[in-house]
Amino acid sequence: MFTGIITDVGTIDAIEDRGDLRVRVATAYDTAAMDIGASVACSGVCLTVVDKGAGWLAFDVSGETVSRTAAAMWETGRRLNLERALRLGDELGGHIVTGHVDGVGEVVSVEPEGGSTRVVIAAPPALAAYIAAKGSITVDGVSLTVNRVEDVADGVRFGLNIIPHTAEVTSFAHLRPGQQVNLEIDVLARYLQRMEQVRAKA
């Protein structure tokens, strides 16, 4: 389990095809203090550390994971938002994040707004019921608050404001229109939707 508060931005520096992908990520984490088998969220995807060395961690990424995550994510040079798993007693600074991608969105626009950056993302129809203004959403592993929601013919569009600090400590300084991003809906929204489904059948 995670919080959506990014603690490092790593870079994929090597990929090996072993049937699944063995992905090596350069990181500023103290890898000597991390265990093999530890969980790390990589741009919103919960992965298991399978190997490590000074300044790098390695993960195995299945074909299923590749198929359900953003295009071009698993390429050498890609910057990944990293977060170590939540530990008992840690501050819950964002919101509860599982590290399971619910869908892939596409950046529609990136524009300056005051001192921040206004980002609009298009999400698929299956996620429309779970995205609400002032609600939480995880974009490439980052916990964010939705500012505005617009239902459109091919799904839903939602707006976010990225403050300078968030852009500085994540990969969001490099967001561009047309870029795909991993989305995870708020777990509370998922449960509320399920409750409504059960109530409707009663």
N, C-alpha and C. Protein backbone atom coordinates (compact mmCIF):
# COMPACT_ATOMS: atom_id res chain seq x y z
N MET A 1 0.84 -1.19 0.00
CA MET A 1 0.00 0.00 0.00
C MET A 1 0.88 1.24 0.00
N PHE A 2 0.37 2.31 -0.65
CA PHE A 2 1.14 3.52 -0.83
C PHE A 2 0.28 4.74 -0.51
N THR A 3 0.88 5.93 -0.63
CA THR A 3 0.15 7.17 -0.34
C THR A 3 0.09 8.12 -1.53
N GLY A 4 0.84 7.85 -2.58
CA GLY A 4 0.87 8.75 -3.72
C GLY A 4 1.78 9.95 -3.51
N ILE A 5 2.65 9.89 -2.49
CA ILE A 5 3.64 10.94 -2.26
C ILE A 5 4.98 10.42 -2.77
N ILE A 6 5.48 11.01 -3.83
CA ILE A 6 6.68 10.51 -4.51
C ILE A 6 7.93 10.87 -3.72
N THR A 7 8.84 9.90 -3.58
CA THR A 7 10.06 10.13 -2.81
C THR A 7 11.33 10.06 -3.66
N ASP A 8 11.19 9.71 -4.92
CA ASP A 8 12.33 9.76 -5.84
C ASP A 8 11.81 9.65 -7.27
N VAL A 9 12.55 10.20 -8.20
CA VAL A 9 12.27 9.99 -9.62
C VAL A 9 13.43 9.18 -10.19
N GLY A 10 13.14 7.94 -10.55
CA GLY A 10 14.17 7.07 -11.11
C GLY A 10 14.14 7.09 -12.62
N THR A 11 15.14 6.46 -13.22
CA THR A 11 15.23 6.38 -14.68
C THR A 11 15.54 4.96 -15.09
N ILE A 12 14.78 4.42 -16.03
CA ILE A 12 15.08 3.08 -16.56
C ILE A 12 16.39 3.14 -17.33
N ASP A 13 17.38 2.38 -16.86
CA ASP A 13 18.67 2.42 -17.55
C ASP A 13 19.01 1.12 -18.27
N ALA A 14 18.17 0.09 -18.09
CA ALA A 14 18.42 -1.16 -18.81
C ALA A 14 17.14 -2.00 -18.79
N ILE A 15 16.89 -2.69 -19.91
CA ILE A 15 15.75 -3.60 -20.02
C ILE A 15 16.23 -4.89 -20.68
N GLU A 16 15.85 -6.01 -20.10
CA GLU A 16 16.21 -7.32 -20.66
C GLU A 16 14.95 -8.14 -20.82
N ASP A 17 14.75 -8.69 -22.01
CA ASP A 17 13.58 -9.52 -22.27
C ASP A 17 13.89 -10.96 -21.87
N ARG A 18 13.20 -11.42 -20.80
CA ARG A 18 13.37 -12.79 -20.33
C ARG A 18 12.05 -13.56 -20.44
N GLY A 19 11.27 -13.23 -21.43
CA GLY A 19 9.89 -13.68 -21.48
C GLY A 19 9.04 -12.58 -20.88
N ASP A 20 9.26 -12.26 -19.61
CA ASP A 20 8.82 -11.01 -19.02
C ASP A 20 9.99 -10.04 -19.12
N LEU A 21 9.75 -8.77 -18.82
CA LEU A 21 10.82 -7.79 -18.87
C LEU A 21 11.53 -7.69 -17.53
N ARG A 22 12.84 -7.72 -17.54
CA ARG A 22 13.64 -7.39 -16.35
C ARG A 22 14.05 -5.92 -16.54
N VAL A 23 13.51 -5.06 -15.70
CA VAL A 23 13.71 -3.61 -15.83
C VAL A 23 14.60 -3.12 -14.70
N ARG A 24 15.71 -2.46 -15.05
CA ARG A 24 16.60 -1.90 -14.04
C ARG A 24 16.41 -0.39 -13.98
N VAL A 25 16.22 0.11 -12.77
CA VAL A 25 15.90 1.52 -12.56
C VAL A 25 16.97 2.18 -11.70
N ALA A 26 17.59 3.20 -12.22
CA ALA A 26 18.55 3.98 -11.44
C ALA A 26 17.78 4.84 -10.44
N THR A 27 18.25 4.87 -9.19
CA THR A 27 17.52 5.56 -8.13
C THR A 27 18.47 6.17 -7.12
N ALA A 28 17.99 7.19 -6.42
CA ALA A 28 18.76 7.79 -5.33
C ALA A 28 18.49 7.11 -3.99
N TYR A 29 17.60 6.12 -3.97
CA TYR A 29 17.33 5.40 -2.73
C TYR A 29 18.60 4.72 -2.21
N ASP A 30 18.66 4.54 -0.90
CA ASP A 30 19.72 3.74 -0.29
C ASP A 30 19.36 2.27 -0.50
N THR A 31 19.80 1.73 -1.62
CA THR A 31 19.38 0.37 -1.98
C THR A 31 19.94 -0.69 -1.04
N ALA A 32 21.04 -0.39 -0.35
CA ALA A 32 21.59 -1.35 0.61
C ALA A 32 20.63 -1.61 1.76
N ALA A 33 19.78 -0.62 2.04
CA ALA A 33 18.82 -0.75 3.15
C ALA A 33 17.50 -1.35 2.70
N MET A 34 17.39 -1.69 1.42
CA MET A 34 16.13 -2.24 0.89
C MET A 34 16.27 -3.74 0.69
N ASP A 35 15.22 -4.47 0.98
CA ASP A 35 15.24 -5.93 0.88
C ASP A 35 14.79 -6.40 -0.50
N ILE A 36 15.36 -7.51 -0.95
CA ILE A 36 14.79 -8.20 -2.10
C ILE A 36 13.39 -8.64 -1.70
N GLY A 37 12.42 -8.41 -2.58
CA GLY A 37 11.03 -8.73 -2.26
C GLY A 37 10.23 -7.52 -1.80
N ALA A 38 10.92 -6.38 -1.58
CA ALA A 38 10.22 -5.16 -1.18
C ALA A 38 9.35 -4.65 -2.33
N SER A 39 8.29 -3.96 -1.97
CA SER A 39 7.39 -3.38 -2.97
C SER A 39 7.73 -1.92 -3.20
N VAL A 40 7.74 -1.52 -4.47
CA VAL A 40 7.98 -0.13 -4.85
C VAL A 40 6.95 0.24 -5.93
N ALA A 41 6.28 1.36 -5.76
CA ALA A 41 5.38 1.85 -6.80
C ALA A 41 6.21 2.60 -7.83
N CYS A 42 6.09 2.17 -9.09
CA CYS A 42 6.84 2.78 -10.20
C CYS A 42 5.84 3.43 -11.14
N SER A 43 5.70 4.75 -11.03
CA SER A 43 4.69 5.50 -11.78
C SER A 43 3.32 4.86 -11.64
N GLY A 44 3.00 4.48 -10.40
CA GLY A 44 1.67 3.96 -10.08
C GLY A 44 1.52 2.46 -10.17
N VAL A 45 2.58 1.75 -10.54
CA VAL A 45 2.53 0.29 -10.68
C VAL A 45 3.32 -0.35 -9.54
N CYS A 46 2.66 -1.16 -8.74
CA CYS A 46 3.34 -1.85 -7.64
C CYS A 46 4.19 -2.98 -8.19
N LEU A 47 5.51 -2.89 -7.99
CA LEU A 47 6.45 -3.90 -8.46
C LEU A 47 7.30 -4.41 -7.31
N THR A 48 7.85 -5.60 -7.49
CA THR A 48 8.67 -6.25 -6.47
C THR A 48 10.14 -6.18 -6.83
N VAL A 49 10.96 -5.77 -5.88
CA VAL A 49 12.41 -5.73 -6.09
C VAL A 49 12.93 -7.16 -6.21
N VAL A 50 13.55 -7.48 -7.35
CA VAL A 50 14.08 -8.83 -7.56
C VAL A 50 15.60 -8.86 -7.59
N ASP A 51 16.22 -7.69 -7.70
CA ASP A 51 17.67 -7.60 -7.67
C ASP A 51 18.01 -6.14 -7.35
N LYS A 52 19.23 -5.91 -6.91
CA LYS A 52 19.61 -4.54 -6.57
C LYS A 52 21.12 -4.42 -6.57
N GLY A 53 21.57 -3.18 -6.61
CA GLY A 53 22.99 -2.87 -6.51
C GLY A 53 23.11 -1.42 -6.07
N ALA A 54 24.32 -0.91 -6.01
CA ALA A 54 24.52 0.47 -5.59
C ALA A 54 23.87 1.41 -6.60
N GLY A 55 22.80 2.09 -6.20
CA GLY A 55 22.15 3.07 -7.05
C GLY A 55 21.16 2.52 -8.05
N TRP A 56 20.79 1.23 -7.93
CA TRP A 56 19.80 0.70 -8.85
C TRP A 56 18.97 -0.42 -8.23
N LEU A 57 17.76 -0.56 -8.76
CA LEU A 57 16.84 -1.64 -8.38
C LEU A 57 16.36 -2.31 -9.65
N ALA A 58 16.09 -3.61 -9.58
CA ALA A 58 15.57 -4.34 -10.73
C ALA A 58 14.21 -4.94 -10.39
N PHE A 59 13.32 -4.91 -11.41
CA PHE A 59 11.96 -5.43 -11.26
C PHE A 59 11.63 -6.31 -12.46
N ASP A 60 10.82 -7.34 -12.24
CA ASP A 60 10.27 -8.11 -13.35
C ASP A 60 8.89 -7.57 -13.66
N VAL A 61 8.66 -7.25 -14.94
CA VAL A 61 7.39 -6.67 -15.38
C VAL A 61 6.74 -7.64 -16.37
N SER A 62 5.58 -8.17 -16.00
CA SER A 62 4.91 -9.17 -16.83
C SER A 62 4.29 -8.55 -18.07
N GLY A 63 4.00 -9.40 -19.04
CA GLY A 63 3.32 -8.94 -20.24
C GLY A 63 1.95 -8.36 -19.91
N GLU A 64 1.27 -8.92 -18.92
CA GLU A 64 -0.04 -8.39 -18.49
C GLU A 64 0.10 -6.96 -17.99
N THR A 65 1.14 -6.70 -17.19
CA THR A 65 1.37 -5.35 -16.69
C THR A 65 1.67 -4.38 -17.83
N VAL A 66 2.51 -4.80 -18.75
CA VAL A 66 2.85 -3.95 -19.90
C VAL A 66 1.59 -3.59 -20.68
N SER A 67 0.69 -4.56 -20.86
CA SER A 67 -0.50 -4.34 -21.66
C SER A 67 -1.50 -3.41 -21.00
N ARG A 68 -1.41 -3.26 -19.69
CA ARG A 68 -2.40 -2.46 -18.96
C ARG A 68 -1.86 -1.11 -18.47
N THR A 69 -0.67 -0.77 -18.90
CA THR A 69 -0.06 0.49 -18.45
C THR A 69 0.24 1.39 -19.64
N ALA A 70 0.67 2.61 -19.33
CA ALA A 70 0.85 3.64 -20.35
C ALA A 70 1.84 3.21 -21.43
N ALA A 71 1.53 3.58 -22.66
CA ALA A 71 2.42 3.30 -23.78
C ALA A 71 3.76 3.99 -23.57
N ALA A 72 4.81 3.33 -23.99
CA ALA A 72 6.19 3.86 -23.91
C ALA A 72 6.70 3.96 -22.48
N MET A 73 5.97 3.37 -21.53
CA MET A 73 6.44 3.44 -20.14
C MET A 73 7.67 2.57 -19.91
N TRP A 74 7.70 1.42 -20.55
CA TRP A 74 8.77 0.46 -20.28
C TRP A 74 9.83 0.56 -21.36
N GLU A 75 10.48 1.73 -21.42
CA GLU A 75 11.55 1.97 -22.38
C GLU A 75 12.74 2.59 -21.67
N THR A 76 13.92 2.29 -22.17
CA THR A 76 15.13 2.87 -21.60
C THR A 76 15.08 4.39 -21.66
N GLY A 77 15.44 5.02 -20.55
CA GLY A 77 15.43 6.47 -20.46
C GLY A 77 14.16 7.03 -19.86
N ARG A 78 13.13 6.20 -19.71
CA ARG A 78 11.86 6.68 -19.15
C ARG A 78 12.05 7.02 -17.67
N ARG A 79 11.53 8.18 -17.26
CA ARG A 79 11.57 8.61 -15.87
C ARG A 79 10.35 8.05 -15.15
N LEU A 80 10.56 7.49 -13.97
CA LEU A 80 9.48 6.87 -13.20
C LEU A 80 9.36 7.52 -11.83
N ASN A 81 8.13 7.81 -11.44
CA ASN A 81 7.87 8.30 -10.08
C ASN A 81 7.92 7.11 -9.12
N LEU A 82 8.79 7.20 -8.13
CA LEU A 82 8.99 6.07 -7.22
C LEU A 82 8.47 6.38 -5.82
N GLU A 83 7.88 5.36 -5.21
CA GLU A 83 7.45 5.46 -3.81
C GLU A 83 7.61 4.09 -3.16
N ARG A 84 8.27 4.07 -2.01
CA ARG A 84 8.38 2.83 -1.25
C ARG A 84 7.06 2.55 -0.53
N ALA A 85 6.81 1.28 -0.22
CA ALA A 85 5.57 0.89 0.43
C ALA A 85 5.41 1.57 1.78
N LEU A 86 4.17 1.88 2.12
CA LEU A 86 3.83 2.50 3.39
C LEU A 86 4.17 1.56 4.53
N ARG A 87 4.78 2.10 5.58
CA ARG A 87 5.08 1.33 6.78
C ARG A 87 4.22 1.80 7.93
N LEU A 88 3.94 0.90 8.87
CA LEU A 88 3.13 1.24 10.03
C LEU A 88 3.76 2.43 10.75
N GLY A 89 2.97 3.47 10.98
CA GLY A 89 3.45 4.66 11.66
C GLY A 89 3.84 5.78 10.72
N ASP A 90 3.93 5.49 9.39
CA ASP A 90 4.25 6.55 8.44
C ASP A 90 3.08 7.53 8.31
N GLU A 91 3.39 8.76 7.96
CA GLU A 91 2.36 9.77 7.73
C GLU A 91 1.64 9.49 6.42
N LEU A 92 0.31 9.51 6.45
CA LEU A 92 -0.49 9.33 5.25
C LEU A 92 -0.72 10.70 4.63
N GLY A 93 0.26 11.16 3.83
CA GLY A 93 0.21 12.52 3.32
C GLY A 93 -0.66 12.70 2.11
N GLY A 94 -0.91 11.65 1.35
CA GLY A 94 -1.73 11.76 0.15
C GLY A 94 -3.08 11.10 0.39
N HIS A 95 -3.32 9.95 -0.26
CA HIS A 95 -4.50 9.14 0.03
C HIS A 95 -4.11 7.68 -0.16
N ILE A 96 -4.99 6.76 0.19
CA ILE A 96 -4.65 5.35 0.10
C ILE A 96 -4.54 4.93 -1.37
N VAL A 97 -3.38 4.41 -1.74
CA VAL A 97 -3.09 4.01 -3.11
C VAL A 97 -2.64 2.56 -3.09
N THR A 98 -3.19 1.74 -3.99
CA THR A 98 -2.86 0.31 -3.99
C THR A 98 -1.72 -0.05 -4.93
N GLY A 99 -1.46 0.80 -5.92
CA GLY A 99 -0.44 0.46 -6.91
C GLY A 99 -0.97 -0.43 -8.02
N HIS A 100 -2.30 -0.46 -8.19
CA HIS A 100 -2.94 -1.21 -9.27
C HIS A 100 -3.57 -0.23 -10.26
N VAL A 101 -3.18 -0.29 -11.50
CA VAL A 101 -3.64 0.65 -12.52
C VAL A 101 -5.06 0.27 -12.96
N ASP A 102 -5.99 1.23 -12.85
CA ASP A 102 -7.38 0.99 -13.24
C ASP A 102 -7.64 1.32 -14.70
N GLY A 103 -6.81 2.16 -15.28
CA GLY A 103 -6.98 2.54 -16.67
C GLY A 103 -5.87 3.47 -17.11
N VAL A 104 -5.80 3.69 -18.40
CA VAL A 104 -4.78 4.58 -18.97
C VAL A 104 -5.47 5.82 -19.51
N GLY A 105 -4.99 6.98 -19.09
CA GLY A 105 -5.52 8.25 -19.59
C GLY A 105 -4.55 8.87 -20.57
N GLU A 106 -5.01 9.95 -21.21
CA GLU A 106 -4.16 10.68 -22.15
C GLU A 106 -4.19 12.16 -21.82
N VAL A 107 -3.02 12.77 -21.76
CA VAL A 107 -2.93 14.20 -21.48
C VAL A 107 -3.48 14.98 -22.67
N VAL A 108 -4.49 15.81 -22.40
CA VAL A 108 -5.13 16.62 -23.45
C VAL A 108 -4.42 17.96 -23.60
N SER A 109 -4.11 18.58 -22.46
CA SER A 109 -3.47 19.90 -22.52
C SER A 109 -2.64 20.13 -21.26
N VAL A 110 -1.60 20.94 -21.41
CA VAL A 110 -0.72 21.36 -20.31
C VAL A 110 -0.48 22.85 -20.49
N GLU A 111 -1.02 23.65 -19.58
CA GLU A 111 -0.94 25.10 -19.74
C GLU A 111 -0.62 25.77 -18.41
N PRO A 112 0.18 26.85 -18.44
CA PRO A 112 0.44 27.59 -17.20
C PRO A 112 -0.83 28.25 -16.69
N GLU A 113 -1.00 28.27 -15.37
CA GLU A 113 -2.15 28.92 -14.75
C GLU A 113 -1.67 29.53 -13.43
N GLY A 114 -1.47 30.84 -13.43
CA GLY A 114 -0.87 31.48 -12.27
C GLY A 114 0.54 30.95 -12.10
N GLY A 115 0.89 30.53 -10.89
CA GLY A 115 2.20 29.96 -10.66
C GLY A 115 2.24 28.46 -10.86
N SER A 116 1.09 27.87 -11.20
CA SER A 116 0.99 26.42 -11.34
C SER A 116 0.84 26.02 -12.80
N THR A 117 0.60 24.75 -13.01
CA THR A 117 0.36 24.22 -14.35
C THR A 117 -1.00 23.54 -14.36
N ARG A 118 -1.83 23.90 -15.33
CA ARG A 118 -3.14 23.30 -15.48
C ARG A 118 -3.04 22.14 -16.45
N VAL A 119 -3.44 20.94 -16.00
CA VAL A 119 -3.36 19.74 -16.83
C VAL A 119 -4.76 19.15 -16.98
N VAL A 120 -5.15 18.86 -18.21
CA VAL A 120 -6.41 18.18 -18.48
C VAL A 120 -6.10 16.80 -19.04
N ILE A 121 -6.76 15.79 -18.47
CA ILE A 121 -6.52 14.40 -18.85
C ILE A 121 -7.83 13.76 -19.28
N ALA A 122 -7.81 13.02 -20.38
CA ALA A 122 -8.96 12.25 -20.83
C ALA A 122 -8.86 10.83 -20.28
N ALA A 123 -9.94 10.36 -19.68
CA ALA A 123 -9.98 9.01 -19.12
C ALA A 123 -11.07 8.20 -19.82
N PRO A 124 -10.95 6.87 -19.84
CA PRO A 124 -11.93 6.04 -20.55
C PRO A 124 -13.28 6.00 -19.83
N PRO A 125 -14.35 5.64 -20.56
CA PRO A 125 -15.70 5.62 -19.98
C PRO A 125 -15.83 4.79 -18.71
N ALA A 126 -15.08 3.70 -18.62
CA ALA A 126 -15.19 2.81 -17.46
C ALA A 126 -14.81 3.50 -16.15
N LEU A 127 -14.05 4.59 -16.22
CA LEU A 127 -13.62 5.28 -15.00
C LEU A 127 -14.48 6.51 -14.69
N ALA A 128 -15.40 6.87 -15.58
CA ALA A 128 -16.14 8.12 -15.44
C ALA A 128 -16.88 8.22 -14.10
N ALA A 129 -17.49 7.13 -13.65
CA ALA A 129 -18.28 7.17 -12.42
C ALA A 129 -17.44 7.34 -11.17
N TYR A 130 -16.13 7.14 -11.30
CA TYR A 130 -15.25 7.16 -10.13
C TYR A 130 -14.46 8.46 -9.99
N ILE A 131 -14.62 9.37 -10.93
CA ILE A 131 -13.84 10.61 -10.91
C ILE A 131 -14.78 11.78 -10.60
N ALA A 132 -14.49 12.49 -9.51
CA ALA A 132 -15.37 13.57 -9.06
C ALA A 132 -14.55 14.79 -8.66
N ALA A 133 -15.12 15.97 -8.90
CA ALA A 133 -14.46 17.20 -8.47
C ALA A 133 -14.22 17.17 -6.97
N LYS A 134 -13.03 17.58 -6.57
CA LYS A 134 -12.55 17.59 -5.17
C LYS A 134 -12.24 16.20 -4.65
N GLY A 135 -12.39 15.20 -5.51
CA GLY A 135 -11.99 13.85 -5.12
C GLY A 135 -10.53 13.60 -5.43
N SER A 136 -10.03 12.46 -4.98
CA SER A 136 -8.63 12.11 -5.20
C SER A 136 -8.48 11.16 -6.39
N ILE A 137 -7.35 11.28 -7.07
CA ILE A 137 -7.00 10.34 -8.13
C ILE A 137 -5.49 10.22 -8.14
N THR A 138 -5.00 9.08 -8.60
CA THR A 138 -3.56 8.87 -8.72
C THR A 138 -3.18 8.88 -10.20
N VAL A 139 -2.26 9.76 -10.56
CA VAL A 139 -1.79 9.88 -11.95
C VAL A 139 -0.30 9.57 -11.96
N ASP A 140 0.08 8.51 -12.65
CA ASP A 140 1.48 8.06 -12.66
C ASP A 140 2.06 7.98 -11.25
N GLY A 141 1.23 7.49 -10.33
CA GLY A 141 1.68 7.26 -8.96
C GLY A 141 1.57 8.44 -8.03
N VAL A 142 1.12 9.60 -8.54
CA VAL A 142 1.07 10.83 -7.74
C VAL A 142 -0.35 11.08 -7.26
N SER A 143 -0.53 11.26 -5.96
CA SER A 143 -1.83 11.59 -5.38
C SER A 143 -2.18 13.04 -5.71
N LEU A 144 -3.34 13.24 -6.37
CA LEU A 144 -3.75 14.57 -6.79
C LEU A 144 -5.24 14.78 -6.51
N THR A 145 -5.64 16.04 -6.45
CA THR A 145 -7.04 16.40 -6.27
C THR A 145 -7.63 16.85 -7.60
N VAL A 146 -8.76 16.29 -7.96
CA VAL A 146 -9.45 16.66 -9.18
C VAL A 146 -10.12 18.02 -8.99
N ASN A 147 -9.87 18.94 -9.91
CA ASN A 147 -10.49 20.27 -9.83
C ASN A 147 -11.81 20.35 -10.58
N ARG A 148 -11.87 19.71 -11.75
CA ARG A 148 -13.04 19.84 -12.60
C ARG A 148 -13.23 18.56 -13.40
N VAL A 149 -14.49 18.21 -13.63
CA VAL A 149 -14.82 17.01 -14.40
C VAL A 149 -15.80 17.37 -15.51
N GLU A 150 -15.55 16.84 -16.70
CA GLU A 150 -16.44 17.07 -17.84
C GLU A 150 -16.71 15.74 -18.53
N ASP A 151 -17.98 15.35 -18.59
CA ASP A 151 -18.35 14.14 -19.32
C ASP A 151 -18.36 14.45 -20.81
N VAL A 152 -17.71 13.58 -21.57
CA VAL A 152 -17.63 13.76 -23.02
C VAL A 152 -18.05 12.46 -23.69
N ALA A 153 -18.22 12.49 -25.01
CA ALA A 153 -18.77 11.34 -25.73
C ALA A 153 -17.92 10.08 -25.55
N ASP A 154 -16.61 10.25 -25.50
CA ASP A 154 -15.73 9.08 -25.43
C ASP A 154 -15.15 8.85 -24.04
N GLY A 155 -15.84 9.35 -22.99
CA GLY A 155 -15.36 9.11 -21.63
C GLY A 155 -15.53 10.32 -20.75
N VAL A 156 -14.47 10.73 -20.11
CA VAL A 156 -14.52 11.85 -19.19
C VAL A 156 -13.19 12.59 -19.26
N ARG A 157 -13.25 13.90 -19.07
CA ARG A 157 -12.03 14.69 -18.96
C ARG A 157 -12.01 15.34 -17.59
N PHE A 158 -10.83 15.37 -16.99
CA PHE A 158 -10.73 16.00 -15.67
C PHE A 158 -9.50 16.89 -15.61
N GLY A 159 -9.62 17.96 -14.81
CA GLY A 159 -8.54 18.94 -14.70
C GLY A 159 -7.83 18.84 -13.37
N LEU A 160 -6.55 19.15 -13.40
CA LEU A 160 -5.68 19.13 -12.23
C LEU A 160 -4.82 20.39 -12.23
N ASN A 161 -4.43 20.84 -11.07
CA ASN A 161 -3.43 21.90 -10.98
C ASN A 161 -2.16 21.32 -10.35
N ILE A 162 -1.07 21.41 -11.06
CA ILE A 162 0.21 20.90 -10.59
C ILE A 162 1.01 22.09 -10.05
N ILE A 163 1.22 22.12 -8.74
CA ILE A 163 1.99 23.21 -8.16
C ILE A 163 3.47 23.01 -8.47
N PRO A 164 4.29 24.07 -8.41
CA PRO A 164 5.71 23.95 -8.76
C PRO A 164 6.44 22.86 -7.97
N HIS A 165 6.14 22.72 -6.68
CA HIS A 165 6.82 21.68 -5.88
C HIS A 165 6.55 20.30 -6.44
N THR A 166 5.29 20.03 -6.78
CA THR A 166 4.95 18.71 -7.32
C THR A 166 5.67 18.46 -8.64
N ALA A 167 5.71 19.46 -9.50
CA ALA A 167 6.43 19.31 -10.77
C ALA A 167 7.91 19.05 -10.55
N GLU A 168 8.47 19.68 -9.51
CA GLU A 168 9.90 19.56 -9.25
C GLU A 168 10.29 18.19 -8.74
N VAL A 169 9.43 17.55 -7.94
CA VAL A 169 9.79 16.28 -7.30
C VAL A 169 9.17 15.06 -7.98
N THR A 170 8.55 15.27 -9.14
CA THR A 170 7.97 14.16 -9.91
C THR A 170 8.40 14.30 -11.38
N SER A 171 7.89 13.41 -12.19
CA SER A 171 8.17 13.48 -13.63
C SER A 171 7.25 14.46 -14.34
N PHE A 172 6.38 15.16 -13.61
CA PHE A 172 5.37 16.01 -14.25
C PHE A 172 5.94 17.24 -14.94
N ALA A 173 7.16 17.59 -14.64
CA ALA A 173 7.77 18.72 -15.36
C ALA A 173 7.90 18.41 -16.85
N HIS A 174 7.79 17.14 -17.21
CA HIS A 174 7.96 16.72 -18.61
C HIS A 174 6.66 16.25 -19.25
N LEU A 175 5.50 16.49 -18.59
CA LEU A 175 4.22 16.10 -19.18
C LEU A 175 3.99 16.85 -20.49
N ARG A 176 3.46 16.12 -21.49
CA ARG A 176 3.17 16.72 -22.78
C ARG A 176 1.82 16.23 -23.29
N PRO A 177 1.08 17.07 -24.05
CA PRO A 177 -0.17 16.60 -24.66
C PRO A 177 0.08 15.36 -25.51
N GLY A 178 -0.85 14.41 -25.43
CA GLY A 178 -0.72 13.16 -26.16
C GLY A 178 -0.05 12.06 -25.36
N GLN A 179 0.60 12.41 -24.26
CA GLN A 179 1.28 11.41 -23.43
C GLN A 179 0.27 10.58 -22.66
N GLN A 180 0.48 9.28 -22.60
CA GLN A 180 -0.37 8.41 -21.80
C GLN A 180 0.11 8.37 -20.35
N VAL A 181 -0.84 8.24 -19.43
CA VAL A 181 -0.53 8.20 -18.00
C VAL A 181 -1.34 7.09 -17.34
N ASN A 182 -0.77 6.52 -16.29
CA ASN A 182 -1.46 5.49 -15.52
C ASN A 182 -2.41 6.14 -14.52
N LEU A 183 -3.63 5.62 -14.45
CA LEU A 183 -4.63 6.16 -13.53
C LEU A 183 -5.08 5.10 -12.53
N GLU A 184 -5.17 5.50 -11.28
CA GLU A 184 -5.79 4.66 -10.25
C GLU A 184 -6.85 5.50 -9.54
N ILE A 185 -8.07 5.01 -9.54
CA ILE A 185 -9.15 5.74 -8.89
C ILE A 185 -9.04 5.60 -7.37
N ASP A 186 -9.70 6.50 -6.67
CA ASP A 186 -9.73 6.47 -5.21
C ASP A 186 -10.43 5.20 -4.75
N VAL A 187 -9.80 4.45 -3.86
CA VAL A 187 -10.38 3.20 -3.38
C VAL A 187 -11.73 3.42 -2.72
N LEU A 188 -11.93 4.58 -2.09
CA LEU A 188 -13.23 4.87 -1.48
C LEU A 188 -14.31 5.02 -2.54
N ALA A 189 -13.96 5.62 -3.68
CA ALA A 189 -14.92 5.74 -4.78
C ALA A 189 -15.30 4.36 -5.31
N ARG A 190 -14.33 3.46 -5.36
CA ARG A 190 -14.61 2.10 -5.83
C ARG A 190 -15.62 1.41 -4.92
N TYR A 191 -15.45 1.54 -3.62
CA TYR A 191 -16.38 0.90 -2.68
C TYR A 191 -17.76 1.54 -2.72
N LEU A 192 -17.80 2.87 -2.86
CA LEU A 192 -19.10 3.54 -2.94
C LEU A 192 -19.87 3.10 -4.17
N GLN A 193 -19.17 2.97 -5.29
CA GLN A 193 -19.83 2.52 -6.51
C GLN A 193 -20.36 1.10 -6.34
N ARG A 194 -19.59 0.24 -5.68
CA ARG A 194 -20.04 -1.13 -5.45
C ARG A 194 -21.27 -1.16 -4.54
N MET A 195 -21.29 -0.32 -3.53
CA MET A 195 -22.45 -0.23 -2.64
C MET A 195 -23.69 0.19 -3.41
N GLU A 196 -23.53 1.14 -4.33
CA GLU A 196 -24.67 1.59 -5.15
C GLU A 196 -25.18 0.46 -6.04
N GLN A 197 -24.27 -0.32 -6.57
CA GLN A 197 -24.67 -1.45 -7.43
C GLN A 197 -25.47 -2.48 -6.65
N VAL A 198 -25.01 -2.78 -5.43
CA VAL A 198 -25.72 -3.76 -4.59
C VAL A 198 -27.08 -3.22 -4.17
N ARG A 199 -27.12 -1.94 -3.80
CA ARG A 199 -28.38 -1.32 -3.38
C ARG A 199 -29.41 -1.33 -4.52
N ALA A 200 -28.94 -1.12 -5.75
CA ALA A 200 -29.85 -1.09 -6.90
C ALA A 200 -30.48 -2.46 -7.16
N LYS A 201 -29.77 -3.52 -6.79
CA LYS A 201 -30.29 -4.89 -7.01
C LYS A 201 -31.23 -5.32 -5.89
N ALA A 202 -31.18 -4.63 -4.76
CA ALA A 202 -31.97 -5.05 -3.58
C ALA A 202 -33.47 -4.79 -3.80
